Amino acid sequence: MESTSNSGLIRTIRRNVSARRLRREEGQTPTEYLMIVGIMAAVILIAFIFFFWDTVKPAASSWSTKAADAVGASKNEKSTVDK
């Protein structure tokens, strides 16, 4: 009788240990990685704008003007990009 109760106890302990292993929250989940990447992207964008905007501003302005012309061009008129 004692061996049966010991084996039942051992099975119960093993089941509890495996359940604990499954519930552990080690490492990072994909959601946490995405949050970290999003925060890093925001920091990089803010640093880029703060430190390099004066250098990049003329090129960005030119690109946005050409993109607006290309999108707003009518079928009969060519955009300034094509000229």
PDB file of N, CA and C in Angstrom:
ATOM      1  N   MET A   1       0.825  -1.187   0.000  1.00  0.00           N
ATOM      2  CA  MET A   1       0.000   0.000   0.000  1.00  0.00           C
ATOM      3  C   MET A   1       0.871   1.253   0.000  1.00  0.00           C
ATOM      4  N   GLU A   2       1.942   1.185   0.739  1.00  0.00           N
ATOM      5  CA  GLU A   2       2.810   2.343   0.848  1.00  0.00           C
ATOM      6  C   GLU A   2       3.471   2.668  -0.485  1.00  0.00           C
ATOM      7  N   SER A   3       3.853   1.659  -1.253  1.00  0.00           N
ATOM      8  CA  SER A   3       4.482   1.905  -2.555  1.00  0.00           C
ATOM      9  C   SER A   3       3.503   2.571  -3.524  1.00  0.00           C
ATOM     10  N   THR A   4       2.226   2.224  -3.452  1.00  0.00           N
ATOM     11  CA  THR A   4       1.224   2.840  -4.312  1.00  0.00           C
ATOM     12  C   THR A   4       1.036   4.302  -3.954  1.00  0.00           C
ATOM     13  N   SER A   5       0.992   4.617  -2.688  1.00  0.00           N
ATOM     14  CA  SER A   5       0.804   6.008  -2.286  1.00  0.00           C
ATOM     15  C   SER A   5       2.056   6.825  -2.607  1.00  0.00           C
ATOM     16  N   ASN A   6       3.236   6.208  -2.501  1.00  0.00           N
ATOM     17  CA  ASN A   6       4.464   6.916  -2.858  1.00  0.00           C
ATOM     18  C   ASN A   6       4.512   7.224  -4.352  1.00  0.00           C
ATOM     19  N   SER A   7       4.101   6.257  -5.163  1.00  0.00           N
ATOM     20  CA  SER A   7       4.127   6.503  -6.610  1.00  0.00           C
ATOM     21  C   SER A   7       3.110   7.584  -6.995  1.00  0.00           C
ATOM     22  N   GLY A   8       1.969   7.592  -6.324  1.00  0.00           N
ATOM     23  CA  GLY A   8       0.968   8.638  -6.570  1.00  0.00           C
ATOM     24  C   GLY A   8       1.496  10.000  -6.157  1.00  0.00           C
ATOM     25  N   LEU A   9       2.203  10.041  -5.037  1.00  0.00           N
ATOM     26  CA  LEU A   9       2.796  11.285  -4.560  1.00  0.00           C
ATOM     27  C   LEU A   9       3.873  11.765  -5.528  1.00  0.00           C
ATOM     28  N   ILE A  10       4.679  10.838  -6.004  1.00  0.00           N
ATOM     29  CA  ILE A  10       5.741  11.190  -6.952  1.00  0.00           C
ATOM     30  C   ILE A  10       5.129  11.738  -8.241  1.00  0.00           C
ATOM     31  N   ARG A  11       4.076  11.093  -8.735  1.00  0.00           N
ATOM     32  CA  ARG A  11       3.406  11.594  -9.942  1.00  0.00           C
ATOM     33  C   ARG A  11       2.837  12.990  -9.722  1.00  0.00           C
ATOM     34  N   THR A  12       2.264  13.226  -8.572  1.00  0.00           N
ATOM     35  CA  THR A  12       1.708  14.544  -8.257  1.00  0.00           C
ATOM     36  C   THR A  12       2.805  15.600  -8.222  1.00  0.00           C
ATOM     37  N   ILE A  13       3.917  15.262  -7.600  1.00  0.00           N
ATOM     38  CA  ILE A  13       5.041  16.205  -7.543  1.00  0.00           C
ATOM     39  C   ILE A  13       5.568  16.491  -8.942  1.00  0.00           C
ATOM     40  N   ARG A  14       5.729  15.458  -9.764  1.00  0.00           N
ATOM     41  CA  ARG A  14       6.219  15.660 -11.143  1.00  0.00           C
ATOM     42  C   ARG A  14       5.254  16.543 -11.942  1.00  0.00           C
ATOM     43  N   ARG A  15       3.961  16.305 -11.765  1.00  0.00           N
ATOM     44  CA  ARG A  15       2.961  17.104 -12.472  1.00  0.00           C
ATOM     45  C   ARG A  15       3.058  18.577 -12.056  1.00  0.00           C
ATOM     46  N   ASN A  16       3.231  18.821 -10.751  1.00  0.00           N
ATOM     47  CA  ASN A  16       3.341  20.202 -10.265  1.00  0.00           C
ATOM     48  C   ASN A  16       4.607  20.879 -10.780  1.00  0.00           C
ATOM     49  N   VAL A  17       5.702  20.116 -10.812  1.00  0.00           N
ATOM     50  CA  VAL A  17       6.967  20.688 -11.301  1.00  0.00           C
ATOM     51  C   VAL A  17       6.835  21.040 -12.778  1.00  0.00           C
ATOM     52  N   SER A  18       6.231  20.157 -13.596  1.00  0.00           N
ATOM     53  CA  SER A  18       6.069  20.461 -15.015  1.00  0.00           C
ATOM     54  C   SER A  18       5.137  21.636 -15.232  1.00  0.00           C
ATOM     55  N   ALA A  19       4.104  21.757 -14.426  1.00  0.00           N
ATOM     56  CA  ALA A  19       3.196  22.891 -14.556  1.00  0.00           C
ATOM     57  C   ALA A  19       3.932  24.188 -14.236  1.00  0.00           C
ATOM     58  N   ARG A  20       4.793  24.160 -13.246  1.00  0.00           N
ATOM     59  CA  ARG A  20       5.577  25.357 -12.911  1.00  0.00           C
ATOM     60  C   ARG A  20       6.506  25.729 -14.044  1.00  0.00           C
ATOM     61  N   ARG A  21       7.107  24.722 -14.679  1.00  0.00           N
ATOM     62  CA  ARG A  21       8.003  25.007 -15.804  1.00  0.00           C
ATOM     63  C   ARG A  21       7.246  25.680 -16.942  1.00  0.00           C
ATOM     64  N   LEU A  22       6.025  25.253 -17.189  1.00  0.00           N
ATOM     65  CA  LEU A  22       5.244  25.846 -18.267  1.00  0.00           C
ATOM     66  C   LEU A  22       4.788  27.262 -17.925  1.00  0.00           C
ATOM     67  N   ARG A  23       4.566  27.534 -16.646  1.00  0.00           N
ATOM     68  CA  ARG A  23       4.087  28.855 -16.232  1.00  0.00           C
ATOM     69  C   ARG A  23       5.203  29.879 -16.109  1.00  0.00           C
ATOM     70  N   ARG A  24       6.449  29.441 -16.097  1.00  0.00           N
ATOM     71  CA  ARG A  24       7.554  30.379 -15.914  1.00  0.00           C
ATOM     72  C   ARG A  24       7.578  31.410 -17.022  1.00  0.00           C
ATOM     73  N   GLU A  25       7.956  32.600 -16.692  1.00  0.00           N
ATOM     74  CA  GLU A  25       7.997  33.671 -17.681  1.00  0.00           C
ATOM     75  C   GLU A  25       9.430  34.132 -17.883  1.00  0.00           C
ATOM     76  N   GLU A  26      10.254  33.237 -18.367  1.00  0.00           N
ATOM     77  CA  GLU A  26      11.636  33.596 -18.648  1.00  0.00           C
ATOM     78  C   GLU A  26      11.729  34.104 -20.075  1.00  0.00           C
ATOM     79  N   GLY A  27      12.661  34.989 -20.309  1.00  0.00           N
ATOM     80  CA  GLY A  27      12.842  35.475 -21.665  1.00  0.00           C
ATOM     81  C   GLY A  27      11.776  36.484 -22.032  1.00  0.00           C
ATOM     82  N   GLN A  28      11.763  36.827 -23.305  1.00  0.00           N
ATOM     83  CA  GLN A  28      10.839  37.850 -23.751  1.00  0.00           C
ATOM     84  C   GLN A  28       9.920  37.298 -24.823  1.00  0.00           C
ATOM     85  N   THR A  29       8.710  37.763 -24.779  1.00  0.00           N
ATOM     86  CA  THR A  29       7.726  37.323 -25.755  1.00  0.00           C
ATOM     87  C   THR A  29       7.836  38.208 -26.994  1.00  0.00           C
ATOM     88  N   PRO A  30       7.276  37.794 -28.113  1.00  0.00           N
ATOM     89  CA  PRO A  30       7.307  38.637 -29.317  1.00  0.00           C
ATOM     90  C   PRO A  30       6.685  40.013 -29.102  1.00  0.00           C
ATOM     91  N   THR A  31       5.662  40.091 -28.273  1.00  0.00           N
ATOM     92  CA  THR A  31       5.044  41.389 -27.998  1.00  0.00           C
ATOM     93  C   THR A  31       6.033  42.331 -27.328  1.00  0.00           C
ATOM     94  N   GLU A  32       6.794  41.795 -26.391  1.00  0.00           N
ATOM     95  CA  GLU A  32       7.786  42.633 -25.716  1.00  0.00           C
ATOM     96  C   GLU A  32       8.870  43.080 -26.680  1.00  0.00           C
ATOM     97  N   TYR A  33       9.299  42.169 -27.579  1.00  0.00           N
ATOM     98  CA  TYR A  33      10.287  42.555 -28.579  1.00  0.00           C
ATOM     99  C   TYR A  33       9.744  43.662 -29.478  1.00  0.00           C
ATOM    100  N   LEU A  34       8.501  43.566 -29.898  1.00  0.00           N
ATOM    101  CA  LEU A  34       7.918  44.599 -30.754  1.00  0.00           C
ATOM    102  C   LEU A  34       7.828  45.936 -30.034  1.00  0.00           C
ATOM    103  N   MET A  35       7.503  45.898 -28.748  1.00  0.00           N
ATOM    104  CA  MET A  35       7.454  47.136 -27.982  1.00  0.00           C
ATOM    105  C   MET A  35       8.834  47.776 -27.893  1.00  0.00           C
ATOM    106  N   ILE A  36       9.846  46.963 -27.647  1.00  0.00           N
ATOM    107  CA  ILE A  36      11.210  47.476 -27.542  1.00  0.00           C
ATOM    108  C   ILE A  36      11.664  48.055 -28.871  1.00  0.00           C
ATOM    109  N   VAL A  37      11.372  47.361 -29.973  1.00  0.00           N
ATOM    110  CA  VAL A  37      11.753  47.859 -31.297  1.00  0.00           C
ATOM    111  C   VAL A  37      11.038  49.167 -31.602  1.00  0.00           C
ATOM    112  N   GLY A  38       9.776  49.278 -31.235  1.00  0.00           N
ATOM    113  CA  GLY A  38       9.034  50.518 -31.461  1.00  0.00           C
ATOM    114  C   GLY A  38       9.617  51.689 -30.690  1.00  0.00           C
ATOM    115  N   ILE A  39       9.977  51.442 -29.452  1.00  0.00           N
ATOM    116  CA  ILE A  39      10.592  52.503 -28.638  1.00  0.00           C
ATOM    117  C   ILE A  39      11.937  52.897 -29.220  1.00  0.00           C
ATOM    118  N   MET A  40      12.731  51.906 -29.647  1.00  0.00           N
ATOM    119  CA  MET A  40      14.034  52.209 -30.252  1.00  0.00           C
ATOM    120  C   MET A  40      13.868  53.019 -31.537  1.00  0.00           C
ATOM    121  N   ALA A  41      12.864  52.668 -32.350  1.00  0.00           N
ATOM    122  CA  ALA A  41      12.623  53.412 -33.589  1.00  0.00           C
ATOM    123  C   ALA A  41      12.246  54.865 -33.285  1.00  0.00           C
ATOM    124  N   ALA A  42      11.427  55.072 -32.285  1.00  0.00           N
ATOM    125  CA  ALA A  42      11.039  56.435 -31.916  1.00  0.00           C
ATOM    126  C   ALA A  42      12.244  57.237 -31.436  1.00  0.00           C
ATOM    127  N   VAL A  43      13.089  56.631 -30.634  1.00  0.00           N
ATOM    128  CA  VAL A  43      14.280  57.320 -30.134  1.00  0.00           C
ATOM    129  C   VAL A  43      15.224  57.653 -31.282  1.00  0.00           C
ATOM    130  N   ILE A  44      15.417  56.707 -32.193  1.00  0.00           N
ATOM    131  CA  ILE A  44      16.296  56.951 -33.340  1.00  0.00           C
ATOM    132  C   ILE A  44      15.727  58.064 -34.220  1.00  0.00           C
ATOM    133  N   LEU A  45      14.419  58.057 -34.450  1.00  0.00           N
ATOM    134  CA  LEU A  45      13.799  59.095 -35.271  1.00  0.00           C
ATOM    135  C   LEU A  45      13.952  60.472 -34.625  1.00  0.00           C
ATOM    136  N   ILE A  46      13.726  60.563 -33.339  1.00  0.00           N
ATOM    137  CA  ILE A  46      13.876  61.842 -32.638  1.00  0.00           C
ATOM    138  C   ILE A  46      15.324  62.318 -32.684  1.00  0.00           C
ATOM    139  N   ALA A  47      16.270  61.404 -32.462  1.00  0.00           N
ATOM    140  CA  ALA A  47      17.692  61.776 -32.525  1.00  0.00           C
ATOM    141  C   ALA A  47      18.068  62.214 -33.935  1.00  0.00           C
ATOM    142  N   PHE A  48      17.562  61.506 -34.946  1.00  0.00           N
ATOM    143  CA  PHE A  48      17.848  61.860 -36.333  1.00  0.00           C
ATOM    144  C   PHE A  48      17.341  63.256 -36.654  1.00  0.00           C
ATOM    145  N   ILE A  49      16.105  63.529 -36.267  1.00  0.00           N
ATOM    146  CA  ILE A  49      15.534  64.851 -36.538  1.00  0.00           C
ATOM    147  C   ILE A  49      16.287  65.933 -35.770  1.00  0.00           C
ATOM    148  N   PHE A  50      16.619  65.661 -34.540  1.00  0.00           N
ATOM    149  CA  PHE A  50      17.286  66.669 -33.706  1.00  0.00           C
ATOM    150  C   PHE A  50      18.689  66.991 -34.210  1.00  0.00           C
ATOM    151  N   PHE A  51      19.463  65.965 -34.582  1.00  0.00           N
ATOM    152  CA  PHE A  51      20.858  66.179 -34.951  1.00  0.00           C
ATOM    153  C   PHE A  51      21.084  66.419 -36.445  1.00  0.00           C
ATOM    154  N   PHE A  52      20.300  65.818 -37.326  1.00  0.00           N
ATOM    155  CA  PHE A  52      20.609  65.858 -38.753  1.00  0.00           C
ATOM    156  C   PHE A  52      19.564  66.572 -39.604  1.00  0.00           C
ATOM    157  N   TRP A  53      18.550  67.164 -39.015  1.00  0.00           N
ATOM    158  CA  TRP A  53      17.465  67.724 -39.808  1.00  0.00           C
ATOM    159  C   TRP A  53      17.930  68.874 -40.692  1.00  0.00           C
ATOM    160  N   ASP A  54      18.841  69.706 -40.215  1.00  0.00           N
ATOM    161  CA  ASP A  54      19.300  70.833 -41.027  1.00  0.00           C
ATOM    162  C   ASP A  54      20.002  70.355 -42.299  1.00  0.00           C
ATOM    163  N   THR A  55      20.663  69.227 -42.230  1.00  0.00           N
ATOM    164  CA  THR A  55      21.348  68.674 -43.386  1.00  0.00           C
ATOM    165  C   THR A  55      20.365  68.003 -44.346  1.00  0.00           C
ATOM    166  N   VAL A  56      19.369  67.355 -43.813  1.00  0.00           N
ATOM    167  CA  VAL A  56      18.448  66.555 -44.618  1.00  0.00           C
ATOM    168  C   VAL A  56      17.244  67.370 -45.117  1.00  0.00           C
ATOM    169  N   LYS A  57      16.956  68.488 -44.511  1.00  0.00           N
ATOM    170  CA  LYS A  57      15.752  69.255 -44.817  1.00  0.00           C
ATOM    171  C   LYS A  57      15.634  69.621 -46.307  1.00  0.00           C
ATOM    172  N   PRO A  58      16.675  70.130 -46.970  1.00  0.00           N
ATOM    173  CA  PRO A  58      16.517  70.447 -48.403  1.00  0.00           C
ATOM    174  C   PRO A  58      16.171  69.217 -49.258  1.00  0.00           C
ATOM    175  N   ALA A  59      16.810  68.089 -49.001  1.00  0.00           N
ATOM    176  CA  ALA A  59      16.518  66.873 -49.774  1.00  0.00           C
ATOM    177  C   ALA A  59      15.096  66.383 -49.496  1.00  0.00           C
ATOM    178  N   ALA A  60      14.661  66.446 -48.250  1.00  0.00           N
ATOM    179  CA  ALA A  60      13.309  66.006 -47.901  1.00  0.00           C
ATOM    180  C   ALA A  60      12.270  66.920 -48.541  1.00  0.00           C
ATOM    181  N   SER A  61      12.541  68.203 -48.569  1.00  0.00           N
ATOM    182  CA  SER A  61      11.616  69.155 -49.188  1.00  0.00           C
ATOM    183  C   SER A  61      11.509  68.905 -50.687  1.00  0.00           C
ATOM    184  N   SER A  62      12.640  68.680 -51.323  1.00  0.00           N
ATOM    185  CA  SER A  62      12.647  68.396 -52.760  1.00  0.00           C
ATOM    186  C   SER A  62      11.888  67.107 -53.066  1.00  0.00           C
ATOM    187  N   TRP A  63      12.124  66.087 -52.274  1.00  0.00           N
ATOM    188  CA  TRP A  63      11.448  64.799 -52.493  1.00  0.00           C
ATOM    189  C   TRP A  63       9.942  64.930 -52.299  1.00  0.00           C
ATOM    190  N   SER A  64       9.539  65.636 -51.258  1.00  0.00           N
ATOM    191  CA  SER A  64       8.101  65.756 -51.006  1.00  0.00           C
ATOM    192  C   SER A  64       7.417  66.576 -52.096  1.00  0.00           C
ATOM    193  N   THR A  65       8.097  67.586 -52.635  1.00  0.00           N
ATOM    194  CA  THR A  65       7.532  68.364 -53.737  1.00  0.00           C
ATOM    195  C   THR A  65       7.369  67.494 -54.980  1.00  0.00           C
ATOM    196  N   LYS A  66       8.382  66.703 -55.300  1.00  0.00           N
ATOM    197  CA  LYS A  66       8.306  65.824 -56.472  1.00  0.00           C
ATOM    198  C   LYS A  66       7.226  64.750 -56.289  1.00  0.00           C
ATOM    199  N   ALA A  67       7.101  64.219 -55.087  1.00  0.00           N
ATOM    200  CA  ALA A  67       6.078  63.202 -54.830  1.00  0.00           C
ATOM    201  C   ALA A  67       4.683  63.805 -54.951  1.00  0.00           C
ATOM    202  N   ALA A  68       4.488  65.007 -54.442  1.00  0.00           N
ATOM    203  CA  ALA A  68       3.189  65.673 -54.541  1.00  0.00           C
ATOM    204  C   ALA A  68       2.854  65.973 -55.993  1.00  0.00           C
ATOM    205  N   ASP A  69       3.853  66.407 -56.779  1.00  0.00           N
ATOM    206  CA  ASP A  69       3.623  66.663 -58.206  1.00  0.00           C
ATOM    207  C   ASP A  69       3.255  65.383 -58.945  1.00  0.00           C
ATOM    208  N   ALA A  70       3.929  64.288 -58.620  1.00  0.00           N
ATOM    209  CA  ALA A  70       3.664  63.023 -59.308  1.00  0.00           C
ATOM    210  C   ALA A  70       2.269  62.513 -58.988  1.00  0.00           C
ATOM    211  N   VAL A  71       1.828  62.663 -57.772  1.00  0.00           N
ATOM    212  CA  VAL A  71       0.509  62.193 -57.376  1.00  0.00           C
ATOM    213  C   VAL A  71      -0.573  63.120 -57.909  1.00  0.00           C
ATOM    214  N   GLY A  72      -0.313  64.420 -57.912  1.00  0.00           N
ATOM    215  CA  GLY A  72      -1.326  65.402 -58.313  1.00  0.00           C
ATOM    216  C   GLY A  72      -1.349  65.687 -59.794  1.00  0.00           C
ATOM    217  N   ALA A  73      -0.457  65.088 -60.584  1.00  0.00           N
ATOM    218  CA  ALA A  73      -0.418  65.372 -62.016  1.00  0.00           C
ATOM    219  C   ALA A  73      -1.664  64.820 -62.698  1.00  0.00           C
ATOM    220  N   SER A  74      -2.214  65.591 -63.609  1.00  0.00           N
ATOM    221  CA  SER A  74      -3.398  65.109 -64.339  1.00  0.00           C
ATOM    222  C   SER A  74      -2.947  64.212 -65.486  1.00  0.00           C
ATOM    223  N   LYS A  75      -3.895  63.592 -66.155  1.00  0.00           N
ATOM    224  CA  LYS A  75      -3.560  62.671 -67.243  1.00  0.00           C
ATOM    225  C   LYS A  75      -3.001  63.415 -68.453  1.00  0.00           C
ATOM    226  N   ASN A  76      -3.424  64.647 -68.674  1.00  0.00           N
ATOM    227  CA  ASN A  76      -2.977  65.404 -69.839  1.00  0.00           C
ATOM    228  C   ASN A  76      -1.653  66.124 -69.628  1.00  0.00           C
ATOM    229  N   GLU A  77      -1.331  66.413 -68.395  1.00  0.00           N
ATOM    230  CA  GLU A  77      -0.096  67.139 -68.090  1.00  0.00           C
ATOM    231  C   GLU A  77       0.925  66.176 -67.501  1.00  0.00           C
ATOM    232  N   LYS A  78       2.174  66.411 -67.859  1.00  0.00           N
ATOM    233  CA  LYS A  78       3.244  65.610 -67.276  1.00  0.00           C
ATOM    234  C   LYS A  78       3.623  66.262 -65.955  1.00  0.00           C
ATOM    235  N   SER A  79       4.087  65.448 -65.023  1.00  0.00           N
ATOM    236  CA  SER A  79       4.517  65.992 -63.739  1.00  0.00           C
ATOM    237  C   SER A  79       5.904  66.592 -63.888  1.00  0.00           C
ATOM    238  N   THR A  80       6.318  67.348 -62.902  1.00  0.00           N
ATOM    239  CA  THR A  80       7.655  67.954 -62.954  1.00  0.00           C
ATOM    240  C   THR A  80       8.741  66.894 -62.868  1.00  0.00           C
ATOM    241  N   VAL A  81       8.419  65.722 -62.409  1.00  0.00           N
ATOM    242  CA  VAL A  81       9.392  64.635 -62.335  1.00  0.00           C
ATOM    243  C   VAL A  81       9.780  64.191 -63.740  1.00  0.00           C
ATOM    244  N   ASP A  82       8.793  64.180 -64.657  1.00  0.00           N
ATOM    245  CA  ASP A  82       9.041  63.727 -66.025  1.00  0.00           C
ATOM    246  C   ASP A  82       9.738  64.773 -66.870  1.00  0.00           C
ATOM    247  N   LYS A  83       9.710  66.002 -66.468  1.00  0.00           N
ATOM    248  CA  LYS A  83      10.304  67.091 -67.280  1.00  0.00           C
ATOM    249  C   LYS A  83      11.802  67.104 -67.168  1.00  0.00           C
TER     250      LYS A  83
END
